[in-house]
Amino acid sequence: MPTDAPAWRLKSSLAGIAWPAVPDMRSGLVCSLLHQMESEQWLAPHEIAARQSLQLAQIVRHAARSVPWYREHWPPGLVAQWSEGAPVRADEFARLPCLSRRELQAQFDQLQSSAVPSEHGPLADGGSSGSTGTPVRFRKTYLNQLVWEALTLLDHAWHARDLLQTLCIIRRGEAAEADNWGMATRMFHTGPACLCPVSVDVEAQLAWLVERAPGYLLTYPSLALQLATLALEQGVRLPSLREVRTFGEPLDAQVRQACREAWGVPVNDTYSSEEFGYLAIRCPHSGHYHVQSENVLLEVLDDDGNACAPGACGRVVVSGLLNFAMPLIRYELGDMAEAGPPCPCGRGLPVLTRILGRTRNMLVTPDGKRYWPTFGFRDSGATGIVQRQVVQTAPGRVQVRYVSRSALAPQEEASLAAQVAQRLPPGMRVDALRVDGIGRSASGKFEEFVSLVATPAP
């Protein structure tokens, strides 16, 4: 449990026993997992890698023995030797083909294990709409839910959160109120949790936050930026707010700066996916991301399929280590990230310096090169703009779509287009277009940049 925050008070599950609290079996399992994670995060990187290799061998052998898709698509010699219990060497593992999102969509039945260990608990189906609205289905076990809960608590512990504060959440879903923060904290006494749908107007969301006086706000980075910017414009303070927590979209310095200016609070982020749960948690000391090695093996690969050195960007390929119902081995998540050096905080967990976003939303230059655009919009010089999105419509053409209370003057549109052009390769044509609205994806996420141009395969 965190040592520099108010003590977390366990709830007792036994009638008549208030202190010391006796948790139920599920809560006991989650607390046991949390205790191990808190202890082993301080192991040296090579020790963590060695323990992870042991678990990787377990899931790879299980997949080779019981998952039809892998038996068909992995090299036959490796399938045979792994099925017999041979060691899984790193160079052999690196030869395995990556599993694409499209293959997961099409091969749901073939990717299921025919021999799920009964000790892993009941099966459950999950799904993700994806940023494109194209759904994927997957299957997981009770164990995977327990690990998700333990990692949620680990995130709370890293950032020394006071569970007795009010938690406000703005994301997709229906408006709701609860007397506890959720499933992961059910064994502890917590403050209330409130959910406001992301579809509600941002001014109404800010008024909702003022009314509920949260200690913590959990939302998308793009929405945190909108709320903080509006709060600065209106002079709205949230005096009880301690931290903004973000998820689901890339987090940049602009969001952190806006929240610091508006409310004087830090922003902490998590990197997760529906398929795997937690992938990485932001370090409370360095601000980089620590990969959660107990849950996943995360590779950052260049265009030739080699591991990226610290400071280099590549595509994210993930292998789940604990899902024996539907093992996802070398699954190409569709994200780009920057590999990082060991963290000065002392944790031996692998490091990601940045999460860049979806590979499909890289700008494609006329000569076929891929490029990561970034845009700073808070000081664009145009007043009244509520929302902006940059869309690449052709290899040499980009459109800045904006929502505003009133139409911009031609010189303001030209200034907005020029600001974007400065952050793009020379020769790109940039136009500004006022639109009625810019929607979020089916999962509630907002994308600052969208490419409608097919990206060349790596």
Protein backbone atom coordinates (compact mmCIF):
# COMPACT_ATOMS: atom_id res chain seq x y z
CA MET A 1 0.00 0.00 0.00
CA PRO A 2 1.22 3.60 -0.51
CA THR A 3 3.22 4.98 2.39
CA ASP A 4 2.98 8.72 1.60
CA ALA A 5 -0.82 8.93 1.35
CA PRO A 6 -3.71 8.39 3.78
CA ALA A 7 -3.93 4.72 4.73
CA TRP A 8 -6.22 2.57 2.63
CA ARG A 9 -8.84 0.98 4.90
CA LEU A 10 -9.85 -2.57 4.04
CA LYS A 11 -13.47 -3.62 4.25
CA SER A 12 -14.32 -6.78 6.15
CA SER A 13 -16.45 -9.44 4.49
CA LEU A 14 -17.31 -11.28 7.71
CA ALA A 15 -20.45 -10.38 9.62
CA GLY A 16 -19.66 -8.84 12.98
CA ILE A 17 -15.96 -8.30 12.18
CA ALA A 18 -15.05 -4.66 11.62
CA TRP A 19 -11.42 -4.66 12.75
CA PRO A 20 -9.10 -6.17 11.76
CA ALA A 21 -10.84 -6.45 8.41
CA VAL A 22 -11.12 -9.91 6.87
CA PRO A 23 -11.46 -9.64 3.07
CA ASP A 24 -13.24 -12.20 0.93
CA MET A 25 -11.28 -14.71 -1.15
CA ARG A 26 -11.36 -12.62 -4.32
CA SER A 27 -10.07 -9.53 -2.51
CA GLY A 28 -7.38 -11.62 -0.87
CA LEU A 29 -6.16 -12.85 -4.24
CA VAL A 30 -6.03 -9.33 -5.64
CA CYS A 31 -4.13 -8.05 -2.59
CA SER A 32 -1.68 -10.94 -2.93
CA LEU A 33 -1.01 -10.04 -6.57
CA LEU A 34 -0.58 -6.38 -5.63
CA HIS A 35 1.91 -7.27 -2.90
CA GLN A 36 4.01 -9.29 -5.36
CA MET A 37 3.94 -6.51 -7.97
CA GLU A 38 4.94 -3.86 -5.44
CA SER A 39 7.87 -6.01 -4.29
CA GLU A 40 9.16 -7.31 -7.61
CA GLN A 41 9.02 -3.98 -9.47
CA TRP A 42 12.34 -3.17 -7.73
CA LEU A 43 14.16 -6.19 -9.14
CA ALA A 44 16.99 -5.53 -11.58
CA PRO A 45 15.91 -5.46 -15.26
CA HIS A 46 17.66 -8.75 -16.02
CA GLU A 47 15.89 -10.46 -13.11
CA ILE A 48 12.49 -9.23 -14.28
CA ALA A 49 13.31 -10.34 -17.84
CA ALA A 50 14.32 -13.80 -16.59
CA ARG A 51 11.05 -14.28 -14.68
CA GLN A 52 9.06 -12.99 -17.62
CA SER A 53 10.81 -15.48 -19.92
CA LEU A 54 9.64 -18.33 -17.70
CA GLN A 55 6.04 -17.18 -18.04
CA LEU A 56 6.40 -16.50 -21.74
CA ALA A 57 7.49 -20.11 -22.24
CA GLN A 58 4.38 -21.29 -20.40
CA ILE A 59 1.95 -19.34 -22.59
CA VAL A 60 3.81 -20.14 -25.84
CA ARG A 61 3.80 -23.90 -25.11
CA HIS A 62 0.11 -23.71 -24.23
CA ALA A 63 -0.63 -21.90 -27.51
CA ALA A 64 1.42 -24.40 -29.53
CA ARG A 65 -0.44 -27.31 -27.98
CA SER A 66 -4.01 -26.04 -27.93
CA VAL A 67 -4.64 -23.10 -30.30
CA PRO A 68 -5.41 -24.10 -33.92
CA TRP A 69 -4.37 -20.80 -35.51
CA TYR A 70 -0.86 -20.94 -34.06
CA ARG A 71 -0.41 -24.60 -34.91
CA GLU A 72 -1.17 -23.71 -38.52
CA HIS A 73 0.78 -20.45 -38.83
CA TRP A 74 3.86 -20.96 -36.65
CA PRO A 75 6.88 -22.85 -38.06
CA PRO A 76 6.03 -26.58 -37.77
CA GLY A 77 9.36 -27.44 -36.19
CA LEU A 78 8.87 -24.90 -33.41
CA VAL A 79 5.30 -26.03 -32.80
CA ALA A 80 6.49 -29.62 -32.45
CA GLN A 81 9.38 -28.91 -30.08
CA TRP A 82 7.41 -26.44 -27.93
CA SER A 83 4.48 -28.84 -27.70
CA GLU A 84 6.93 -31.34 -26.22
CA GLY A 85 8.10 -28.83 -23.64
CA ALA A 86 11.33 -27.56 -25.21
CA PRO A 87 12.66 -24.17 -24.01
CA VAL A 88 11.45 -21.06 -25.87
CA ARG A 89 14.55 -19.23 -27.03
CA ALA A 90 14.41 -15.49 -27.71
CA ASP A 91 15.69 -15.82 -31.29
CA GLU A 92 13.05 -18.46 -32.05
CA PHE A 93 10.28 -16.36 -30.52
CA ALA A 94 11.37 -13.40 -32.67
CA ARG A 95 10.76 -15.54 -35.79
CA LEU A 96 7.06 -15.89 -35.04
CA PRO A 97 4.73 -13.95 -37.35
CA CYS A 98 2.81 -11.05 -35.87
CA LEU A 99 -0.92 -11.46 -35.35
CA SER A 100 -2.89 -8.62 -36.94
CA ARG A 101 -6.09 -7.02 -35.74
CA ARG A 102 -7.79 -8.18 -38.93
CA GLU A 103 -6.78 -11.78 -38.21
CA LEU A 104 -8.17 -11.50 -34.69
CA GLN A 105 -11.43 -10.21 -36.16
CA ALA A 106 -11.68 -13.06 -38.64
CA GLN A 107 -10.29 -15.96 -36.59
CA PHE A 108 -12.09 -15.73 -33.25
CA ASP A 109 -12.82 -19.46 -33.12
CA GLN A 110 -9.39 -20.57 -34.35
CA LEU A 111 -7.58 -18.42 -31.78
CA GLN A 112 -9.34 -19.97 -28.78
CA SER A 113 -7.59 -22.59 -26.70
CA SER A 114 -9.12 -26.05 -26.55
CA ALA A 115 -7.59 -26.71 -23.12
CA VAL A 116 -8.13 -23.73 -20.81
CA PRO A 117 -6.92 -24.63 -17.28
CA SER A 118 -9.96 -24.89 -15.02
CA GLU A 119 -7.99 -23.23 -12.21
CA HIS A 120 -8.00 -19.96 -14.17
CA GLY A 121 -11.72 -19.58 -13.46
CA PRO A 122 -14.81 -18.91 -15.59
CA LEU A 123 -14.51 -17.57 -19.13
CA ALA A 124 -15.81 -14.21 -20.25
CA ASP A 125 -16.03 -12.52 -23.64
CA GLY A 126 -14.71 -9.04 -24.24
CA GLY A 127 -14.68 -6.65 -27.15
CA SER A 128 -13.30 -3.42 -28.47
CA SER A 129 -14.92 -1.09 -30.98
CA GLY A 130 -11.49 0.24 -31.91
CA SER A 131 -10.77 3.78 -33.02
CA THR A 132 -12.12 2.96 -36.46
CA GLY A 133 -15.34 1.49 -35.12
CA THR A 134 -14.36 -1.98 -36.37
CA PRO A 135 -14.96 -4.39 -33.50
CA VAL A 136 -12.78 -7.22 -32.29
CA ARG A 137 -13.86 -9.97 -29.93
CA PHE A 138 -11.70 -11.89 -27.52
CA ARG A 139 -12.06 -14.32 -24.65
CA LYS A 140 -10.44 -14.13 -21.23
CA THR A 141 -10.55 -15.81 -17.83
CA TYR A 142 -11.37 -14.82 -14.27
CA LEU A 143 -7.63 -14.61 -13.62
CA ASN A 144 -7.28 -11.81 -16.17
CA GLN A 145 -9.89 -9.77 -14.29
CA LEU A 146 -8.01 -10.25 -11.01
CA VAL A 147 -4.77 -9.06 -12.63
CA TRP A 148 -6.55 -5.99 -14.03
CA GLU A 149 -7.80 -5.14 -10.54
CA ALA A 150 -4.33 -5.59 -9.01
CA LEU A 151 -2.75 -3.33 -11.64
CA THR A 152 -5.43 -0.69 -11.04
CA LEU A 153 -4.49 -0.70 -7.37
CA LEU A 154 -0.80 -0.54 -8.30
CA ASP A 155 -1.49 2.60 -10.33
CA HIS A 156 -3.29 4.12 -7.32
CA ALA A 157 -0.39 3.14 -5.06
CA TRP A 158 2.29 4.60 -7.34
CA HIS A 159 0.52 7.96 -7.30
CA ALA A 160 -0.36 7.83 -3.58
CA ARG A 161 -4.06 8.47 -4.17
CA ASP A 162 -6.44 9.11 -1.31
CA LEU A 163 -9.25 6.64 -1.99
CA LEU A 164 -11.64 8.56 0.27
CA GLN A 165 -11.84 11.46 -2.19
CA THR A 166 -14.58 11.84 -4.82
CA LEU A 167 -13.71 10.39 -8.25
CA CYS A 168 -15.32 12.02 -11.30
CA ILE A 169 -15.18 10.17 -14.61
CA ILE A 170 -16.00 11.60 -18.05
CA ARG A 171 -16.02 8.95 -20.73
CA ARG A 172 -18.45 6.98 -22.88
CA GLY A 173 -21.34 5.46 -20.99
CA GLU A 174 -24.49 6.50 -19.19
CA ALA A 175 -24.60 8.97 -16.30
CA ALA A 176 -24.13 7.11 -13.04
CA GLU A 177 -23.38 7.55 -9.34
CA ALA A 178 -21.82 4.94 -7.04
CA ASP A 179 -20.61 4.83 -3.44
CA ASN A 180 -17.30 3.16 -4.40
CA TRP A 181 -14.64 3.81 -7.05
CA GLY A 182 -15.32 0.50 -8.76
CA MET A 183 -14.57 -3.21 -8.91
CA ALA A 184 -10.83 -2.85 -8.31
CA THR A 185 -11.31 -0.94 -5.04
CA ARG A 186 -14.33 -2.83 -3.76
CA MET A 187 -12.35 -4.23 -0.80
CA PHE A 188 -11.47 -0.73 0.42
CA HIS A 189 -13.44 2.15 1.86
CA THR A 190 -13.56 4.85 -0.85
CA GLY A 191 -15.32 8.06 -1.63
CA PRO A 192 -18.11 8.19 -4.24
CA ALA A 193 -17.61 7.88 -7.99
CA CYS A 194 -19.65 9.82 -10.56
CA LEU A 195 -19.77 9.34 -14.33
CA CYS A 196 -20.71 12.01 -16.86
CA PRO A 197 -21.14 10.89 -20.50
CA VAL A 198 -18.57 12.19 -22.94
CA SER A 199 -21.44 13.21 -25.23
CA VAL A 200 -22.47 16.01 -22.84
CA ASP A 201 -21.48 19.54 -23.86
CA VAL A 202 -18.10 20.57 -22.41
CA GLU A 203 -19.56 23.61 -20.62
CA ALA A 204 -22.09 21.35 -18.91
CA GLN A 205 -19.26 18.94 -18.01
CA LEU A 206 -17.31 21.74 -16.34
CA ALA A 207 -20.39 22.83 -14.38
CA TRP A 208 -20.91 19.19 -13.36
CA LEU A 209 -17.33 19.05 -12.03
CA VAL A 210 -17.81 22.24 -10.03
CA GLU A 211 -20.95 20.81 -8.45
CA ARG A 212 -19.27 17.54 -7.43
CA ALA A 213 -15.93 18.97 -6.28
CA PRO A 214 -13.80 15.92 -7.18
CA GLY A 215 -10.48 14.96 -5.71
CA TYR A 216 -9.65 13.14 -8.95
CA LEU A 217 -10.80 13.46 -12.57
CA LEU A 218 -10.48 10.54 -14.99
CA THR A 219 -11.02 11.30 -18.69
CA TYR A 220 -9.46 11.43 -22.17
CA PRO A 221 -6.48 13.78 -22.71
CA SER A 222 -8.32 15.72 -25.42
CA LEU A 223 -11.25 16.36 -23.09
CA ALA A 224 -8.97 17.31 -20.20
CA LEU A 225 -7.45 19.93 -22.50
CA GLN A 226 -10.87 21.29 -23.48
CA LEU A 227 -12.04 21.44 -19.87
CA ALA A 228 -8.85 23.10 -18.61
CA THR A 229 -8.87 25.63 -21.45
CA LEU A 230 -12.51 26.50 -20.76
CA ALA A 231 -11.81 26.73 -17.03
CA LEU A 232 -9.00 29.20 -17.71
CA GLU A 233 -11.29 31.29 -19.93
CA GLN A 234 -14.06 31.35 -17.32
CA GLY A 235 -11.86 31.52 -14.23
CA VAL A 236 -13.27 28.25 -12.90
CA ARG A 237 -11.20 26.64 -10.16
CA LEU A 238 -11.55 23.15 -8.74
CA PRO A 239 -9.97 23.66 -5.32
CA SER A 240 -10.38 20.06 -4.15
CA LEU A 241 -8.87 18.54 -7.33
CA ARG A 242 -5.58 16.70 -6.71
CA GLU A 243 -4.87 14.99 -10.03
CA VAL A 244 -6.16 14.50 -13.55
CA ARG A 245 -5.93 10.91 -14.74
CA THR A 246 -6.01 10.22 -18.47
CA PHE A 247 -6.33 7.19 -20.72
CA GLY A 248 -7.23 6.15 -24.26
CA GLU A 249 -5.35 8.80 -26.27
CA PRO A 250 -1.76 10.04 -26.54
CA LEU A 251 -0.90 12.48 -23.75
CA ASP A 252 1.27 15.47 -24.61
CA ALA A 253 2.85 18.37 -22.72
CA GLN A 254 0.07 20.71 -23.82
CA VAL A 255 -2.49 18.82 -21.73
CA ARG A 256 -0.23 18.78 -18.67
CA GLN A 257 0.47 22.50 -19.00
CA ALA A 258 -3.21 23.40 -19.34
CA CYS A 259 -4.22 21.38 -16.26
CA ARG A 260 -1.37 22.87 -14.26
CA GLU A 261 -2.37 26.41 -15.27
CA ALA A 262 -6.09 25.89 -14.71
CA TRP A 263 -6.08 23.86 -11.51
CA GLY A 264 -2.51 23.49 -10.31
CA VAL A 265 -2.58 19.68 -10.56
CA PRO A 266 -0.47 17.01 -12.30
CA VAL A 267 -1.69 14.74 -15.08
CA ASN A 268 -0.95 11.03 -14.94
CA ASP A 269 -1.64 8.61 -17.74
CA THR A 270 -2.03 4.88 -18.27
CA TYR A 271 -1.47 2.91 -21.47
CA SER A 272 -3.97 0.11 -21.87
CA SER A 273 -6.04 -1.83 -24.38
CA GLU A 274 -9.27 -3.78 -24.18
CA GLU A 275 -7.46 -6.92 -25.33
CA PHE A 276 -4.79 -6.89 -22.60
CA GLY A 277 -5.80 -4.41 -19.93
CA TYR A 278 -2.85 -2.47 -18.50
CA LEU A 279 0.18 -2.27 -20.76
CA ALA A 280 2.14 0.50 -19.01
CA ILE A 281 1.70 2.93 -16.12
CA ARG A 282 3.24 6.38 -15.96
CA CYS A 283 6.14 6.61 -13.53
CA PRO A 284 5.47 9.03 -10.65
CA HIS A 285 9.11 10.13 -10.69
CA SER A 286 10.34 10.33 -14.29
CA GLY A 287 7.04 10.75 -16.15
CA HIS A 288 7.95 7.88 -18.50
CA TYR A 289 5.87 4.70 -18.78
CA HIS A 290 6.76 1.40 -17.11
CA VAL A 291 5.61 -1.69 -19.00
CA GLN A 292 3.75 -4.05 -16.69
CA SER A 293 5.91 -7.11 -17.27
CA GLU A 294 3.78 -9.46 -15.17
CA ASN A 295 0.92 -8.96 -17.62
CA VAL A 296 2.52 -8.51 -21.06
CA LEU A 297 5.69 -8.75 -23.08
CA LEU A 298 5.74 -5.52 -25.07
CA GLU A 299 8.04 -5.14 -28.07
CA VAL A 300 8.79 -1.88 -29.92
CA LEU A 301 9.88 -2.91 -33.43
CA ASP A 302 11.29 -0.97 -36.37
CA ASP A 303 10.21 -1.44 -39.97
CA ASP A 304 12.56 -4.42 -40.32
CA GLY A 305 11.10 -6.17 -37.28
CA ASN A 306 14.09 -5.48 -35.02
CA ALA A 307 13.81 -4.21 -31.46
CA CYS A 308 14.15 -0.43 -31.24
CA ALA A 309 16.98 1.02 -29.19
CA PRO A 310 16.16 3.61 -26.50
CA GLY A 311 15.11 6.85 -28.16
CA ALA A 312 13.84 5.16 -31.33
CA CYS A 313 10.18 4.89 -32.30
CA GLY A 314 8.51 1.76 -33.61
CA ARG A 315 5.32 -0.20 -33.75
CA VAL A 316 3.96 -1.83 -30.63
CA VAL A 317 3.68 -5.64 -30.63
CA VAL A 318 2.23 -7.26 -27.50
CA SER A 319 2.13 -10.80 -26.14
CA GLY A 320 -0.28 -11.44 -23.28
CA LEU A 321 1.31 -13.65 -20.63
CA LEU A 322 -1.70 -14.69 -18.57
CA ASN A 323 -4.67 -15.25 -20.90
CA PHE A 324 -4.84 -19.01 -21.46
CA ALA A 325 -8.36 -18.81 -22.95
CA MET A 326 -7.28 -16.89 -26.06
CA PRO A 327 -3.53 -16.31 -26.08
CA LEU A 328 -2.62 -13.26 -28.17
CA ILE A 329 1.02 -13.80 -29.11
CA ARG A 330 2.92 -11.03 -30.93
CA TYR A 331 -0.30 -9.13 -31.52
CA GLU A 332 0.21 -5.94 -33.52
CA LEU A 333 -1.76 -3.41 -31.55
CA GLY A 334 -1.63 -0.69 -34.21
CA ASP A 335 0.19 1.83 -31.99
CA MET A 336 3.56 3.53 -32.20
CA ALA A 337 5.76 4.16 -29.17
CA GLU A 338 9.26 5.29 -28.28
CA ALA A 339 11.50 2.86 -26.40
CA GLY A 340 13.20 4.30 -23.34
CA PRO A 341 16.34 3.72 -21.22
CA PRO A 342 16.24 2.32 -17.67
CA CYS A 343 14.35 4.62 -15.32
CA PRO A 344 16.20 6.54 -12.58
CA CYS A 345 13.36 5.73 -10.16
CA GLY A 346 14.94 2.31 -9.55
CA ARG A 347 12.14 0.14 -10.91
CA GLY A 348 13.48 -2.59 -13.18
CA LEU A 349 10.41 -2.62 -15.41
CA PRO A 350 10.93 -1.79 -19.12
CA VAL A 351 10.40 1.84 -20.15
CA LEU A 352 8.47 3.61 -22.89
CA THR A 353 9.31 7.29 -23.22
CA ARG A 354 6.25 8.22 -25.27
CA ILE A 355 3.07 6.68 -26.64
CA LEU A 356 2.58 8.20 -30.08
CA GLY A 357 -0.75 6.80 -31.24
CA ARG A 358 -2.13 4.79 -34.10
CA THR A 359 0.10 3.79 -37.01
CA ARG A 360 -2.81 4.32 -39.39
CA ASN A 361 -2.81 8.01 -38.48
CA MET A 362 0.69 8.82 -39.62
CA LEU A 363 0.97 11.47 -42.31
CA VAL A 364 2.03 10.02 -45.67
CA THR A 365 4.20 12.29 -47.82
CA PRO A 366 3.93 12.28 -51.63
CA ASP A 367 7.12 10.17 -51.84
CA GLY A 368 5.59 7.49 -49.56
CA LYS A 369 7.42 8.33 -46.34
CA ARG A 370 5.58 8.20 -43.02
CA TYR A 371 5.71 11.12 -40.63
CA TRP A 372 4.39 11.92 -37.13
CA PRO A 373 2.74 15.34 -37.10
CA THR A 374 2.15 17.22 -33.86
CA PHE A 375 0.19 20.43 -33.51
CA GLY A 376 0.06 23.09 -30.78
CA PHE A 377 -3.35 24.69 -30.87
CA ARG A 378 -3.86 26.59 -27.63
CA ASP A 379 -2.30 29.78 -28.98
CA SER A 380 -3.44 29.65 -32.59
CA GLY A 381 -4.40 33.34 -32.62
CA ALA A 382 -7.98 32.59 -33.67
CA THR A 383 -10.65 33.30 -31.08
CA GLY A 384 -13.85 31.36 -30.60
CA ILE A 385 -12.52 28.00 -31.79
CA VAL A 386 -14.05 25.19 -29.76
CA GLN A 387 -12.45 22.14 -31.40
CA ARG A 388 -9.96 21.36 -34.16
CA GLN A 389 -8.88 18.33 -36.13
CA VAL A 390 -6.29 17.98 -38.89
CA VAL A 391 -7.23 15.57 -41.69
CA GLN A 392 -4.95 14.41 -44.49
CA THR A 393 -7.18 14.03 -47.54
CA ALA A 394 -4.47 13.33 -50.16
CA PRO A 395 -0.68 12.72 -50.15
CA GLY A 396 0.03 16.43 -50.63
CA ARG A 397 -3.04 17.97 -49.02
CA VAL A 398 -4.19 18.59 -45.46
CA GLN A 399 -7.38 20.15 -44.13
CA VAL A 400 -7.80 21.87 -40.75
CA ARG A 401 -11.38 21.30 -39.67
CA TYR A 402 -12.58 23.51 -36.85
CA VAL A 403 -15.71 24.15 -34.83
CA SER A 404 -16.31 27.76 -33.78
CA ARG A 405 -19.07 29.90 -32.36
CA SER A 406 -18.86 32.16 -35.40
CA ALA A 407 -17.09 31.97 -38.73
CA LEU A 408 -13.45 33.03 -38.74
CA ALA A 409 -12.33 35.91 -40.90
CA PRO A 410 -10.29 34.89 -43.96
CA GLN A 411 -7.08 36.15 -42.37
CA GLU A 412 -7.79 34.07 -39.23
CA GLU A 413 -8.34 30.94 -41.33
CA ALA A 414 -5.10 31.70 -43.18
CA SER A 415 -3.26 32.05 -39.86
CA LEU A 416 -4.66 28.74 -38.63
CA ALA A 417 -3.62 27.00 -41.86
CA ALA A 418 -0.16 28.57 -41.69
CA GLN A 419 0.33 27.36 -38.14
CA VAL A 420 -0.39 23.79 -39.23
CA ALA A 421 1.78 24.10 -42.35
CA GLN A 422 4.78 25.03 -40.18
CA ARG A 423 4.60 21.60 -38.56
CA LEU A 424 4.38 19.65 -41.83
CA PRO A 425 6.95 18.76 -44.49
CA PRO A 426 7.49 21.48 -47.11
CA GLY A 427 5.11 21.51 -50.05
CA MET A 428 1.98 20.32 -48.22
CA ARG A 429 -1.12 22.32 -49.11
CA VAL A 430 -3.18 23.28 -46.05
CA ASP A 431 -6.75 24.58 -46.09
CA ALA A 432 -9.05 25.53 -43.21
CA LEU A 433 -12.68 24.44 -43.13
CA ARG A 434 -15.34 25.30 -40.57
CA VAL A 435 -17.59 22.34 -39.68
CA ASP A 436 -20.62 21.91 -37.44
CA GLY A 437 -19.03 19.27 -35.25
CA ILE A 438 -16.17 16.78 -34.93
CA GLY A 439 -17.28 13.45 -33.56
CA ARG A 440 -15.43 11.03 -31.33
CA SER A 441 -14.88 7.39 -32.17
CA ALA A 442 -17.22 4.64 -31.01
CA SER A 443 -14.97 4.19 -27.97
CA GLY A 444 -15.24 7.86 -27.03
CA LYS A 445 -11.73 8.82 -28.15
CA PHE A 446 -10.78 11.91 -30.12
CA GLU A 447 -8.01 11.96 -32.71
CA GLU A 448 -6.16 15.23 -33.28
CA PHE A 449 -4.83 13.99 -36.63
CA VAL A 450 -6.58 11.63 -39.04
CA SER A 451 -5.10 10.32 -42.28
CA LEU A 452 -7.41 9.22 -45.06
CA VAL A 453 -4.42 8.15 -47.17
CA ALA A 454 -3.44 4.50 -47.22
CA THR A 455 -0.20 4.00 -45.27
CA PRO A 456 2.47 1.90 -47.04
CA ALA A 457 3.12 -1.40 -45.31
CA PRO A 458 6.35 -1.44 -43.25
